[in-house]
N, C-alpha and C. Protein backbone atom coordinates (compact mmCIF):
# COMPACT_ATOMS: atom_id res chain seq x y z
N MET A 1 -39.22 -29.51 3.21
CA MET A 1 -38.35 -29.98 4.25
C MET A 1 -37.04 -29.79 4.00
N LEU A 2 -36.56 -30.53 2.98
CA LEU A 2 -35.34 -30.82 2.51
C LEU A 2 -34.49 -29.39 2.02
N LEU A 3 -35.31 -28.60 1.40
CA LEU A 3 -35.00 -27.21 1.03
C LEU A 3 -34.62 -26.41 2.21
N VAL A 4 -35.48 -26.45 3.29
CA VAL A 4 -35.31 -25.81 4.40
C VAL A 4 -34.01 -26.38 5.26
N LEU A 5 -33.62 -27.47 5.18
CA LEU A 5 -32.48 -28.26 5.82
C LEU A 5 -31.23 -27.62 4.99
N ALA A 6 -31.40 -27.75 3.61
CA ALA A 6 -30.41 -27.02 2.82
C ALA A 6 -29.99 -25.53 2.92
N LEU A 7 -31.02 -24.82 3.16
CA LEU A 7 -30.66 -23.70 3.34
C LEU A 7 -30.03 -23.14 4.79
N ILE A 8 -30.43 -23.88 5.85
CA ILE A 8 -29.97 -24.05 6.99
C ILE A 8 -28.34 -24.42 6.97
N GLY A 9 -28.19 -25.44 6.37
CA GLY A 9 -26.83 -25.77 6.36
C GLY A 9 -25.98 -24.83 5.29
N LEU A 10 -26.32 -24.21 4.52
CA LEU A 10 -25.66 -23.20 3.56
C LEU A 10 -25.46 -21.89 4.45
N MET A 11 -26.56 -21.34 5.35
CA MET A 11 -26.13 -20.26 6.13
C MET A 11 -25.31 -20.71 7.06
N THR A 12 -25.20 -21.70 7.58
CA THR A 12 -24.44 -22.27 9.06
C THR A 12 -22.93 -22.17 8.38
N GLY A 13 -22.71 -22.82 7.21
CA GLY A 13 -21.43 -22.60 6.44
C GLY A 13 -20.82 -21.24 6.18
N VAL A 14 -21.71 -20.29 6.01
CA VAL A 14 -21.43 -18.99 5.70
C VAL A 14 -20.87 -18.17 6.99
N PHE A 15 -21.96 -18.55 8.13
CA PHE A 15 -21.37 -17.93 9.36
C PHE A 15 -20.36 -18.53 10.02
N VAL A 16 -19.83 -19.72 9.77
CA VAL A 16 -18.65 -20.20 10.25
C VAL A 16 -17.47 -19.70 9.43
N VAL A 17 -17.44 -19.53 8.09
CA VAL A 17 -16.26 -19.04 7.52
C VAL A 17 -16.16 -17.79 7.75
N GLY A 18 -17.35 -16.86 8.04
CA GLY A 18 -17.33 -15.65 8.43
C GLY A 18 -16.67 -15.42 9.80
N ALA A 19 -16.95 -16.10 10.66
CA ALA A 19 -16.45 -16.21 12.04
C ALA A 19 -15.09 -16.44 12.10
N ALA A 20 -14.60 -17.60 11.37
CA ALA A 20 -13.16 -17.79 11.29
C ALA A 20 -12.46 -16.84 10.51
N ARG A 21 -12.58 -16.03 9.77
CA ARG A 21 -12.20 -14.95 9.07
C ARG A 21 -11.98 -13.67 10.18
N LEU A 22 -13.06 -13.39 10.97
CA LEU A 22 -12.92 -12.36 11.66
C LEU A 22 -11.95 -12.84 12.93
N GLY A 23 -11.98 -14.02 13.37
CA GLY A 23 -10.83 -14.31 14.46
C GLY A 23 -9.50 -14.54 14.12
N ASP A 24 -9.20 -14.38 12.49
CA ASP A 24 -7.97 -14.78 11.92
C ASP A 24 -7.26 -13.42 12.41
N ASP A 25 -6.08 -13.51 12.84
CA ASP A 25 -5.35 -12.21 13.59
C ASP A 25 -4.23 -12.09 12.62
N LYS A 26 -4.08 -12.67 11.43
CA LYS A 26 -3.01 -12.67 10.33
C LYS A 26 -2.78 -11.15 9.94
N PRO A 27 -1.48 -10.29 10.22
CA PRO A 27 -1.65 -9.05 9.73
C PRO A 27 -1.67 -9.02 8.13
N ALA A 28 -1.97 -7.98 7.58
CA ALA A 28 -1.87 -7.71 6.07
C ALA A 28 -0.55 -7.22 5.64
N THR A 29 -0.23 -7.51 4.62
CA THR A 29 1.06 -7.26 3.99
C THR A 29 1.36 -5.70 3.60
N PRO A 30 2.61 -5.23 3.72
CA PRO A 30 2.83 -3.79 3.36
C PRO A 30 2.19 -3.69 1.94
N ASP A 31 2.27 -4.63 0.93
CA ASP A 31 1.69 -4.33 -0.35
C ASP A 31 0.25 -4.03 -0.41
N GLU A 32 -0.53 -4.88 0.61
CA GLU A 32 -1.95 -4.70 0.74
C GLU A 32 -2.25 -3.40 1.31
N VAL A 33 -1.81 -2.87 2.46
CA VAL A 33 -1.67 -1.83 2.90
C VAL A 33 -1.35 -0.27 1.84
N PHE A 34 -0.38 -0.80 0.90
CA PHE A 34 -0.07 0.23 0.01
C PHE A 34 -1.27 0.34 -1.04
N TRP A 35 -1.85 -1.03 -1.65
CA TRP A 35 -2.76 -0.72 -2.51
C TRP A 35 -4.27 -0.13 -2.17
N ASN A 36 -4.45 -0.44 -0.75
CA ASN A 36 -5.54 0.01 -0.19
C ASN A 36 -5.45 1.51 -0.08
N ALA A 37 -4.18 1.94 0.11
CA ALA A 37 -4.13 3.66 0.18
C ALA A 37 -4.23 4.17 -1.38
N VAL A 38 -3.80 3.60 -2.09
CA VAL A 38 -3.85 3.93 -3.46
C VAL A 38 -5.09 4.03 -4.03
N ILE A 39 -5.95 2.85 -3.89
CA ILE A 39 -7.38 2.96 -4.34
C ILE A 39 -8.12 3.92 -3.51
N ALA A 40 -7.89 4.07 -2.37
CA ALA A 40 -8.62 5.06 -1.59
C ALA A 40 -8.35 6.54 -2.05
N SER A 41 -7.10 6.63 -2.21
CA SER A 41 -6.79 8.19 -2.51
C SER A 41 -7.21 8.32 -4.10
N ARG A 42 -6.96 7.53 -4.92
CA ARG A 42 -7.53 7.77 -6.20
C ARG A 42 -8.95 8.11 -6.31
N ARG A 43 -9.84 6.99 -5.47
CA ARG A 43 -11.11 7.26 -5.46
C ARG A 43 -11.61 8.45 -5.05
N GLN A 44 -11.01 9.07 -3.89
CA GLN A 44 -11.28 10.44 -3.33
C GLN A 44 -10.97 11.58 -4.50
N ALA A 45 -9.88 11.29 -5.20
CA ALA A 45 -9.48 12.54 -6.17
C ALA A 45 -10.51 12.35 -7.32
N LEU A 46 -10.86 11.38 -7.62
CA LEU A 46 -11.79 11.03 -8.73
C LEU A 46 -13.44 11.57 -8.23
N LEU A 47 -13.67 11.44 -6.93
CA LEU A 47 -14.94 11.94 -6.73
C LEU A 47 -15.06 13.30 -6.38
N SER A 48 -13.81 13.85 -5.77
CA SER A 48 -13.89 15.19 -5.26
C SER A 48 -13.43 16.19 -6.73
N GLY A 49 -12.63 15.66 -7.62
CA GLY A 49 -12.21 16.47 -8.43
C GLY A 49 -11.00 17.13 -7.95
N ARG A 50 -10.43 17.07 -6.99
CA ARG A 50 -9.32 17.53 -6.47
C ARG A 50 -7.99 16.72 -6.16
N GLU A 51 -6.88 17.15 -6.04
CA GLU A 51 -5.82 16.43 -5.80
C GLU A 51 -5.75 15.82 -4.29
N VAL A 52 -5.19 14.76 -4.38
CA VAL A 52 -5.02 13.97 -2.80
C VAL A 52 -3.68 13.66 -2.85
N ARG A 53 -2.88 14.02 -1.95
CA ARG A 53 -1.48 13.68 -1.62
C ARG A 53 -1.50 12.39 -0.64
N LEU A 54 -0.59 11.31 -1.08
CA LEU A 54 -0.22 10.40 -0.32
C LEU A 54 1.25 10.44 0.13
N VAL A 55 1.41 10.35 1.51
CA VAL A 55 2.56 10.62 2.09
C VAL A 55 2.97 9.43 3.22
N TYR A 56 4.33 9.13 3.45
CA TYR A 56 4.79 7.95 4.15
C TYR A 56 5.08 8.77 5.48
N GLU A 57 4.41 8.18 6.55
CA GLU A 57 4.95 8.91 7.82
C GLU A 57 5.55 7.59 8.46
N PRO A 58 6.92 7.88 9.17
CA PRO A 58 7.46 6.79 9.92
C PRO A 58 6.90 6.44 11.38
N GLY A 59 6.97 5.54 11.95
CA GLY A 59 6.36 5.13 12.93
C GLY A 59 7.12 5.83 14.28
N VAL A 60 6.59 6.05 15.41
CA VAL A 60 7.04 6.71 16.51
C VAL A 60 7.04 5.65 17.40
N THR A 61 8.16 5.18 18.11
CA THR A 61 8.26 4.10 19.28
C THR A 61 8.90 4.64 20.32
N GLY A 62 8.70 4.22 21.55
CA GLY A 62 9.24 4.67 22.81
C GLY A 62 8.44 5.95 23.25
N GLU A 63 9.36 6.36 24.47
CA GLU A 63 8.69 7.60 25.05
C GLU A 63 7.22 7.69 25.40
N GLY A 64 6.56 6.61 25.83
CA GLY A 64 5.23 6.36 26.00
C GLY A 64 4.20 6.29 24.90
N SER A 65 4.85 6.42 23.37
CA SER A 65 4.17 6.24 22.41
C SER A 65 4.55 5.36 21.40
N ASP A 66 3.47 4.43 20.91
CA ASP A 66 3.80 3.32 20.05
C ASP A 66 3.02 3.65 18.80
N THR A 67 3.17 4.37 18.03
CA THR A 67 2.70 4.48 16.72
C THR A 67 2.89 3.87 15.44
N PRO A 68 2.39 3.04 14.83
CA PRO A 68 2.98 2.42 13.79
C PRO A 68 3.14 3.20 12.65
N ALA A 69 4.10 2.78 11.41
CA ALA A 69 4.35 3.60 10.52
C ALA A 69 3.08 3.57 9.70
N SER A 70 2.81 4.49 8.79
CA SER A 70 1.74 4.61 8.16
C SER A 70 1.76 5.34 6.87
N LEU A 71 0.52 5.34 5.99
CA LEU A 71 0.39 6.06 4.64
C LEU A 71 -0.31 7.02 4.93
N ASN A 72 -0.55 8.07 4.72
CA ASN A 72 -1.47 9.29 5.09
C ASN A 72 -1.75 10.01 3.88
N ALA A 73 -3.23 9.69 3.73
CA ALA A 73 -3.63 10.45 2.31
C ALA A 73 -4.43 11.82 2.87
N THR A 74 -4.22 13.03 2.37
CA THR A 74 -4.70 14.13 2.54
C THR A 74 -5.04 14.84 1.23
N TRP A 75 -6.53 15.73 1.57
CA TRP A 75 -6.89 16.43 0.44
C TRP A 75 -7.06 17.84 0.77
N ASP A 76 -7.33 18.80 -0.11
CA ASP A 76 -7.64 20.24 0.09
C ASP A 76 -8.43 20.57 1.11
N ASP A 77 -9.75 19.89 1.46
CA ASP A 77 -10.70 20.30 2.37
C ASP A 77 -10.53 19.92 3.70
N GLY A 78 -9.15 19.61 3.99
CA GLY A 78 -8.59 19.15 5.42
C GLY A 78 -8.93 17.76 5.83
N GLY A 79 -9.65 16.96 4.83
CA GLY A 79 -9.94 15.51 4.73
C GLY A 79 -8.71 14.84 4.97
N GLN A 80 -8.57 13.67 5.63
CA GLN A 80 -7.55 12.56 5.69
C GLN A 80 -7.99 11.28 6.06
N GLN A 81 -7.01 10.31 5.71
CA GLN A 81 -7.28 9.00 5.99
C GLN A 81 -5.76 8.47 6.21
N PHE A 82 -5.83 7.54 7.25
CA PHE A 82 -4.43 6.76 7.68
C PHE A 82 -4.61 5.32 7.15
N PHE A 83 -3.44 4.69 6.76
CA PHE A 83 -3.39 3.36 6.44
C PHE A 83 -2.21 2.74 7.14
N PRO A 84 -2.34 2.49 8.39
CA PRO A 84 -1.22 1.86 9.37
C PRO A 84 -0.51 0.46 8.98
N PHE A 85 0.87 0.56 8.93
CA PHE A 85 1.29 -0.75 8.56
C PHE A 85 1.50 -1.53 10.17
N GLU A 86 0.40 -1.92 10.55
CA GLU A 86 0.33 -2.56 11.88
C GLU A 86 0.83 -4.14 11.91
N LYS A 87 1.49 -4.48 13.04
CA LYS A 87 1.87 -5.85 13.36
C LYS A 87 2.96 -6.23 12.09
N MET A 88 3.65 -5.50 11.50
CA MET A 88 4.49 -5.67 10.28
C MET A 88 5.88 -5.53 10.75
N GLY A 89 6.35 -5.24 11.85
CA GLY A 89 7.80 -4.88 12.21
C GLY A 89 7.89 -3.55 11.58
N ASP A 90 9.35 -3.30 11.36
CA ASP A 90 9.87 -1.89 10.91
C ASP A 90 9.84 -2.01 9.35
N VAL A 91 8.75 -1.25 8.87
CA VAL A 91 8.27 -1.47 7.40
C VAL A 91 8.75 0.09 6.97
N VAL A 92 9.52 0.14 5.98
CA VAL A 92 9.92 1.71 5.23
C VAL A 92 9.26 1.48 4.04
N CYS A 93 8.41 2.41 3.72
CA CYS A 93 7.88 2.82 2.46
C CYS A 93 8.71 4.08 1.79
N GLU A 94 9.12 3.92 0.59
CA GLU A 94 9.93 5.08 -0.05
C GLU A 94 8.96 5.21 -1.45
N PHE A 95 8.84 6.55 -1.87
CA PHE A 95 8.35 6.95 -3.11
C PHE A 95 9.51 7.12 -3.93
N LEU A 96 9.70 6.76 -5.02
CA LEU A 96 10.85 6.92 -5.74
C LEU A 96 10.56 7.63 -7.06
N THR A 97 11.67 8.19 -7.56
CA THR A 97 11.64 8.73 -9.18
C THR A 97 11.30 7.60 -10.21
N THR A 98 11.04 7.81 -11.24
CA THR A 98 10.68 6.96 -12.32
C THR A 98 11.98 6.53 -13.03
N GLN A 99 13.10 7.06 -12.72
CA GLN A 99 14.42 6.86 -13.44
C GLN A 99 15.06 5.88 -12.47
N LYS A 100 15.23 4.55 -13.12
CA LYS A 100 15.71 3.64 -12.52
C LYS A 100 17.44 3.84 -11.98
N GLY A 101 17.96 3.40 -10.86
CA GLY A 101 19.34 3.33 -10.67
C GLY A 101 19.69 4.99 -10.64
N ALA A 102 18.86 5.74 -10.58
CA ALA A 102 19.50 7.27 -10.52
C ALA A 102 20.35 7.61 -9.25
N SER A 103 20.19 7.08 -8.33
CA SER A 103 20.95 6.91 -7.13
C SER A 103 20.76 5.79 -6.08
N SER A 104 21.74 5.10 -6.12
CA SER A 104 21.25 3.74 -5.47
C SER A 104 22.52 3.12 -4.66
N ILE A 105 22.29 2.55 -3.58
CA ILE A 105 23.49 1.88 -2.72
C ILE A 105 23.16 0.39 -2.63
N LEU A 106 24.15 -0.23 -2.32
CA LEU A 106 24.09 -1.69 -1.89
C LEU A 106 24.18 -1.93 -0.37
N VAL A 107 23.21 -2.62 -0.13
CA VAL A 107 22.98 -2.53 1.63
C VAL A 107 22.77 -4.12 1.82
N GLY A 108 23.68 -4.76 2.39
CA GLY A 108 23.51 -6.23 2.77
C GLY A 108 23.22 -7.13 1.58
N GLY A 109 23.95 -6.85 0.18
CA GLY A 109 23.54 -7.61 -0.74
C GLY A 109 22.32 -7.30 -1.50
N GLU A 110 21.76 -6.19 -0.92
CA GLU A 110 20.34 -5.64 -1.79
C GLU A 110 20.55 -4.25 -2.33
N LEU A 111 20.13 -3.92 -3.59
CA LEU A 111 20.40 -2.78 -4.07
C LEU A 111 19.13 -1.83 -3.56
N VAL A 112 19.44 -0.70 -2.87
CA VAL A 112 18.56 0.32 -2.15
C VAL A 112 18.56 1.56 -3.14
N GLU A 113 17.48 1.90 -3.55
CA GLU A 113 17.60 3.33 -3.99
C GLU A 113 17.20 4.23 -3.19
N THR A 114 17.98 5.30 -3.30
CA THR A 114 18.02 6.49 -2.39
C THR A 114 17.47 7.74 -2.92
N GLN A 115 17.07 7.90 -4.09
CA GLN A 115 16.40 9.05 -4.77
C GLN A 115 14.91 9.25 -4.51
N THR A 116 14.53 9.74 -3.46
CA THR A 116 13.20 9.62 -3.16
C THR A 116 12.33 10.83 -3.59
N ILE A 117 10.96 10.81 -3.60
CA ILE A 117 10.24 11.95 -3.85
C ILE A 117 9.23 12.14 -2.34
N PRO A 118 8.93 13.36 -1.68
CA PRO A 118 8.41 13.53 -0.64
C PRO A 118 7.14 12.91 -0.63
N HIS A 119 6.16 12.99 -1.82
CA HIS A 119 4.80 12.42 -1.82
C HIS A 119 4.13 12.24 -3.01
N VAL A 120 3.25 11.45 -3.13
CA VAL A 120 2.52 11.19 -4.45
C VAL A 120 1.28 11.96 -4.59
N THR A 121 1.08 12.54 -5.77
CA THR A 121 -0.31 13.13 -6.10
C THR A 121 -1.28 12.47 -6.97
N PHE A 122 -2.36 12.14 -6.56
CA PHE A 122 -3.35 11.69 -7.18
C PHE A 122 -4.30 12.98 -7.90
N TYR A 123 -4.66 12.87 -9.14
CA TYR A 123 -5.17 13.87 -9.86
C TYR A 123 -6.72 13.51 -9.89
N GLY A 124 -7.76 14.58 -10.03
CA GLY A 124 -8.94 14.40 -10.16
C GLY A 124 -9.39 13.66 -11.78
N ASP A 125 -8.81 13.60 -12.37
CA ASP A 125 -8.77 12.88 -13.47
C ASP A 125 -8.37 11.51 -13.61
N GLY A 126 -7.94 10.86 -12.50
CA GLY A 126 -7.58 9.65 -12.39
C GLY A 126 -6.13 9.33 -12.34
N THR A 127 -5.36 10.27 -12.61
CA THR A 127 -3.77 9.88 -12.96
C THR A 127 -3.19 10.24 -11.76
N CYS A 128 -1.87 9.90 -11.73
CA CYS A 128 -1.04 10.06 -10.65
C CYS A 128 0.35 10.54 -10.86
N THR A 129 1.09 11.09 -10.02
CA THR A 129 2.52 11.23 -10.05
C THR A 129 3.27 10.10 -10.76
N PRO A 130 4.07 10.07 -11.68
CA PRO A 130 4.79 8.86 -12.15
C PRO A 130 5.84 8.72 -10.87
N PHE A 131 5.52 7.46 -10.57
CA PHE A 131 6.48 7.07 -9.32
C PHE A 131 6.71 5.71 -9.37
N ARG A 132 7.76 5.21 -8.34
CA ARG A 132 7.91 3.73 -8.10
C ARG A 132 7.84 3.67 -6.50
N VAL A 133 7.34 2.65 -6.02
CA VAL A 133 7.30 2.54 -4.63
C VAL A 133 8.37 1.17 -4.11
N GLN A 134 9.19 1.69 -2.96
CA GLN A 134 10.26 0.53 -2.49
C GLN A 134 9.79 0.32 -0.88
N PHE A 135 9.75 -0.87 -0.94
CA PHE A 135 9.26 -1.28 0.69
C PHE A 135 10.71 -1.95 1.23
N ARG A 136 11.11 -1.61 2.46
CA ARG A 136 12.28 -2.01 2.95
C ARG A 136 11.89 -2.70 4.49
N ILE A 137 11.84 -4.06 4.69
CA ILE A 137 11.49 -4.89 5.82
C ILE A 137 12.79 -5.41 6.41
N GLY A 138 13.23 -4.74 7.59
CA GLY A 138 14.55 -5.34 7.95
C GLY A 138 15.64 -5.45 6.54
N THR A 139 16.16 -6.48 6.12
CA THR A 139 17.14 -6.36 5.03
C THR A 139 16.49 -6.58 3.63
N SER A 140 15.27 -6.90 3.89
CA SER A 140 14.37 -7.38 2.41
C SER A 140 14.12 -5.93 1.65
N VAL A 141 14.27 -5.99 0.35
CA VAL A 141 13.83 -4.72 -0.38
C VAL A 141 13.13 -5.23 -1.42
N HIS A 142 11.87 -4.74 -1.79
CA HIS A 142 11.45 -4.90 -3.28
C HIS A 142 10.73 -3.68 -3.74
N THR A 143 10.48 -3.49 -4.86
CA THR A 143 10.18 -2.12 -5.73
C THR A 143 9.19 -2.40 -6.62
N LEU A 144 8.19 -1.55 -6.64
CA LEU A 144 6.98 -1.84 -7.74
C LEU A 144 6.94 -0.56 -8.55
N ALA A 145 6.87 -0.63 -9.81
CA ALA A 145 6.76 0.46 -10.61
C ALA A 145 5.26 0.65 -10.92
N ILE A 146 4.84 1.78 -10.87
CA ILE A 146 3.14 2.19 -11.24
C ILE A 146 3.05 2.90 -12.18
N ASP A 147 2.21 2.78 -12.96
CA ASP A 147 1.70 3.26 -14.28
C ASP A 147 0.93 4.63 -13.72
N PRO A 148 1.24 5.76 -14.25
CA PRO A 148 1.01 6.98 -13.88
C PRO A 148 -0.40 7.50 -14.50
N TRP A 149 -0.85 6.69 -15.56
CA TRP A 149 -2.11 6.72 -16.11
C TRP A 149 -3.43 6.03 -15.46
N THR A 150 -3.04 4.69 -14.93
CA THR A 150 -4.22 4.09 -14.21
C THR A 150 -3.69 3.97 -12.76
N CYS A 151 -2.70 4.10 -12.40
CA CYS A 151 -2.30 4.10 -10.88
C CYS A 151 -2.05 2.57 -10.53
N ALA A 152 -1.96 1.77 -11.78
CA ALA A 152 -1.92 0.40 -11.48
C ALA A 152 -0.34 -0.25 -11.45
N GLN A 153 0.05 -1.38 -11.02
CA GLN A 153 1.41 -1.97 -10.95
C GLN A 153 1.67 -2.13 -12.38
N MET A 154 2.83 -1.56 -13.16
CA MET A 154 3.37 -1.76 -14.36
C MET A 154 4.04 -3.33 -14.35
N LEU A 155 3.66 -4.18 -15.37
CA LEU A 155 4.25 -5.19 -15.70
C LEU A 155 5.85 -5.00 -16.24
N GLU A 156 6.76 -5.74 -15.49
CA GLU A 156 8.22 -5.46 -16.08
C GLU A 156 8.55 -6.82 -17.22
N ALA A 157 9.28 -6.39 -18.21
CA ALA A 157 9.73 -7.16 -19.03
C ALA A 157 10.89 -8.19 -18.40
N LYS A 158 10.68 -9.49 -18.85
CA LYS A 158 11.60 -10.70 -18.08
C LYS A 158 12.96 -10.46 -18.62
N GLU A 159 14.12 -10.49 -18.22
CA GLU A 159 15.30 -10.39 -18.79
C GLU A 159 15.68 -11.68 -19.60
N ASN A 160 16.12 -11.87 -20.59
CA ASN A 160 16.71 -13.06 -21.55
C ASN A 160 17.78 -13.47 -21.13
N THR A 161 18.00 -14.69 -20.66
CA THR A 161 19.13 -15.30 -19.99
C THR A 161 19.68 -16.20 -21.08
N GLN A 162 20.05 -15.96 -22.10
CA GLN A 162 20.44 -16.96 -23.17
C GLN A 162 21.69 -16.72 -23.24
């Protein structure tokens, strides 16, 4: 009898937590959307053995259309998958060359790089184009360096302030 009550209590706890997560309307962060797109694009390239291109598409607002900005993964046989930046405001995602400071400007006290590449390619061997990604949300800017061999975030060395 105690075992049955314990199982009922455990299942009730699981259902309550699951229902709370379904009702949670917290939007994903731009980083989460980006990493979901990278994982799906790399997986598709590995499974198909073909190149997959990841492109940023800015959102369209006004004129009866309200499409959020998104990342679009496309592959050779016409397949595609969208990763929208929903409920995040004005998000701009730019793919940058791997040369830091090649071309940059100062906007509102933040260093914004301007030398972009049009898309990132994921190859069938699990590698990708060498690139960095820059997110701009309003006046906030942050950049992630991506390892082309693993398609994961590269760790950056901390500067010595001695």
